[in-house]
């Protein structure tokens, strides 16, 4: 999950503004939330229009952005042919997750997929939380000063 997608999860009205309390709560879920809270947050991140259902289009849009970002980081490209093969596989996975065959994945279907198949593409959304919370390394080794744990009881 890219940072702008995390932001958009908080900014459900698409105004480009997030209230501090909403941001704080969301970051708490990502950093310290329970498995259930993280699953719910991941579901809401994929449910772009907030209707409580993930459509195939929402699912594919997320993963196209995911693979484009991955290619950008790796200095490669995502060819149309490669994306077509990936999207065909993702479409089959989406259809298998849609157990009631209504064309969408609801939160219960999402939870079932995540909990029964650790290799399910939905799990990549959860795994991306780990990427957001991995401590940065400073050029001198060790943790970046900005990422060191802070004891709020100790004055500096």
Protein backbone atom coordinates (compact mmCIF):
# COMPACT_ATOMS: atom_id res chain seq x y z
CA UNK A 1 0.00 0.00 0.00
CA UNK A 2 1.52 3.32 -1.03
CA UNK A 3 1.35 6.36 1.22
CA UNK A 4 -1.12 8.17 -1.06
CA UNK A 5 -3.42 5.13 -0.85
CA UNK A 6 -3.14 5.22 2.94
CA UNK A 7 -4.02 8.93 2.83
CA UNK A 8 -6.96 8.24 0.51
CA UNK A 9 -8.20 5.61 2.96
CA UNK A 10 -8.45 8.37 5.56
CA UNK A 11 -9.78 10.97 3.07
CA UNK A 12 -13.07 9.26 2.19
CA UNK A 13 -14.61 12.54 0.96
CA UNK A 14 -11.68 13.06 -1.45
CA UNK A 15 -11.13 16.64 -0.33
CA UNK A 16 -7.37 16.34 0.06
CA UNK A 17 -7.70 17.00 3.78
CA UNK A 18 -7.69 14.60 6.71
CA UNK A 19 -8.70 15.51 10.25
CA UNK A 20 -5.90 14.94 12.76
CA UNK A 21 -8.02 12.55 14.85
CA UNK A 22 -8.79 10.40 11.80
CA UNK A 23 -5.12 10.32 10.79
CA UNK A 24 -4.03 9.50 14.32
CA UNK A 25 -6.52 6.65 14.63
CA UNK A 26 -5.55 5.20 11.24
CA UNK A 27 -1.85 5.33 11.94
CA UNK A 28 -2.45 3.69 15.31
CA UNK A 29 -4.21 0.80 13.52
CA UNK A 30 -1.33 0.39 11.05
CA UNK A 31 1.36 0.57 13.73
CA UNK A 32 -0.25 -1.11 16.73
CA UNK A 33 -3.65 -2.43 15.71
CA UNK A 34 -4.92 -5.94 16.19
CA UNK A 35 -5.03 -8.36 13.27
CA UNK A 36 -8.77 -7.70 12.94
CA UNK A 37 -8.27 -3.92 12.89
CA UNK A 38 -5.57 -4.23 10.23
CA UNK A 39 -7.77 -6.51 8.12
CA UNK A 40 -10.64 -4.01 8.39
CA UNK A 41 -8.30 -1.14 7.47
CA UNK A 42 -6.93 -3.06 4.48
CA UNK A 43 -10.47 -3.83 3.31
CA UNK A 44 -11.41 -0.15 3.55
CA UNK A 45 -8.26 0.74 1.62
CA UNK A 46 -9.35 -1.44 -1.28
CA UNK A 47 -12.98 -0.26 -1.08
CA UNK A 48 -12.28 3.11 -2.74
CA UNK A 49 -15.89 4.27 -2.93
CA UNK A 50 -16.69 3.19 0.63
CA UNK A 51 -19.79 1.14 -0.23
CA UNK A 52 -18.69 -1.88 1.82
CA UNK A 53 -17.85 -3.96 -1.25
CA UNK A 54 -14.66 -4.39 -3.26
CA UNK A 55 -15.35 -4.48 -6.98
CA UNK A 56 -13.09 -6.18 -9.48
CA UNK A 57 -12.20 -2.72 -10.82
CA UNK A 58 -11.16 -1.48 -7.35
CA UNK A 59 -9.13 -4.66 -6.85
CA UNK A 60 -7.36 -4.39 -10.22
CA UNK A 61 -6.74 -0.64 -9.82
CA UNK A 62 -5.00 -1.21 -6.50
CA UNK A 63 -2.79 -3.93 -7.92
CA UNK A 64 -1.96 -2.01 -11.08
CA UNK A 65 -0.71 0.84 -8.88
CA UNK A 66 1.12 -1.67 -6.71
CA UNK A 67 2.96 -3.25 -9.65
CA UNK A 68 3.68 0.11 -11.28
CA UNK A 69 5.25 1.34 -8.02
CA UNK A 70 7.23 -1.89 -7.70
CA UNK A 71 8.53 -1.49 -11.26
CA UNK A 72 9.42 2.14 -10.59
CA UNK A 73 11.44 1.15 -7.52
CA UNK A 74 13.18 -1.62 -9.46
CA UNK A 75 13.75 0.60 -12.55
CA UNK A 76 11.76 -1.75 -14.77
CA UNK A 77 8.55 -1.34 -16.75
CA UNK A 78 5.19 -3.04 -16.64
CA UNK A 79 4.39 -3.97 -20.22
CA UNK A 80 0.78 -4.23 -21.37
CA UNK A 81 1.35 -7.94 -22.05
CA UNK A 82 2.69 -8.53 -18.54
CA UNK A 83 -0.14 -6.51 -16.94
CA UNK A 84 -2.69 -8.50 -18.97
CA UNK A 85 -1.26 -11.79 -17.64
CA UNK A 86 -1.22 -10.45 -14.07
CA UNK A 87 -4.74 -9.01 -14.32
CA UNK A 88 -6.07 -12.30 -15.73
CA UNK A 89 -4.63 -14.14 -12.74
CA UNK A 90 -5.98 -11.50 -10.33
CA UNK A 91 -9.42 -11.69 -11.96
CA UNK A 92 -9.53 -15.46 -11.42
CA UNK A 93 -8.46 -14.95 -7.79
CA UNK A 94 -11.10 -12.24 -7.32
CA UNK A 95 -13.84 -14.50 -8.72
CA UNK A 96 -12.77 -17.33 -6.41
CA UNK A 97 -12.95 -14.92 -3.44
CA UNK A 98 -16.46 -13.82 -4.44
CA UNK A 99 -18.07 -16.87 -2.89
CA UNK A 100 -21.66 -15.59 -3.19
CA UNK A 101 -21.03 -14.73 -6.87
CA UNK A 102 -22.51 -11.23 -6.70
CA UNK A 103 -19.56 -9.64 -8.52
CA UNK A 104 -18.07 -8.04 -5.40
CA UNK A 105 -16.09 -9.12 -2.36
CA UNK A 106 -17.65 -8.13 0.95
CA UNK A 107 -15.77 -7.90 4.25
CA UNK A 108 -16.61 -11.49 5.25
CA UNK A 109 -15.34 -12.86 1.93
CA UNK A 110 -12.22 -10.72 2.33
CA UNK A 111 -11.59 -12.03 5.85
CA UNK A 112 -12.12 -15.62 4.72
CA UNK A 113 -9.64 -15.19 1.85
CA UNK A 114 -6.98 -13.55 4.06
CA UNK A 115 -7.29 -16.07 6.86
CA UNK A 116 -7.38 -19.21 4.71
CA UNK A 117 -4.74 -18.39 2.09
CA UNK A 118 -1.55 -16.56 3.16
CA UNK A 119 -0.58 -16.31 -0.53
CA UNK A 120 -3.81 -14.55 -1.54
CA UNK A 121 -3.23 -11.17 -3.23
CA UNK A 122 -5.35 -9.55 -0.49
CA UNK A 123 -2.54 -10.49 1.91
CA UNK A 124 -0.18 -8.19 -0.01
CA UNK A 125 -2.24 -5.28 1.27
CA UNK A 126 -1.67 -6.43 4.84
CA UNK A 127 2.00 -7.19 4.15
CA UNK A 128 2.45 -3.63 2.89
CA UNK A 129 1.74 -2.39 6.43
CA UNK A 130 5.01 -4.02 7.40
CA UNK A 131 6.77 -1.98 4.73
CA UNK A 132 5.27 1.18 6.20
CA UNK A 133 6.43 0.29 9.70
CA UNK A 134 9.93 -1.02 8.96
CA UNK A 135 12.51 1.20 10.65
CA UNK A 136 14.62 3.25 8.28
CA UNK A 137 18.39 2.76 8.38
CA UNK A 138 20.56 5.81 8.79
CA UNK A 139 23.57 6.17 6.47
CA UNK A 140 25.83 5.56 9.50
CA UNK A 141 24.11 2.30 10.38
CA UNK A 142 21.48 1.62 12.98
CA UNK A 143 18.08 3.22 13.12
CA UNK A 144 17.43 6.67 11.79
CA UNK A 145 17.12 9.14 14.71
CA UNK A 146 13.57 9.88 13.57
CA UNK A 147 12.66 6.20 13.95
CA UNK A 148 14.17 5.56 17.38
CA UNK A 149 11.67 4.71 20.10
CA UNK A 150 10.90 7.66 22.31
CA UNK A 151 10.14 7.28 26.00
CA UNK A 152 7.60 10.04 26.68
CA UNK A 153 8.49 10.03 30.40
CA UNK A 154 12.10 11.02 29.75
CA UNK A 155 12.72 14.69 29.04
CA UNK A 156 15.41 15.45 26.49
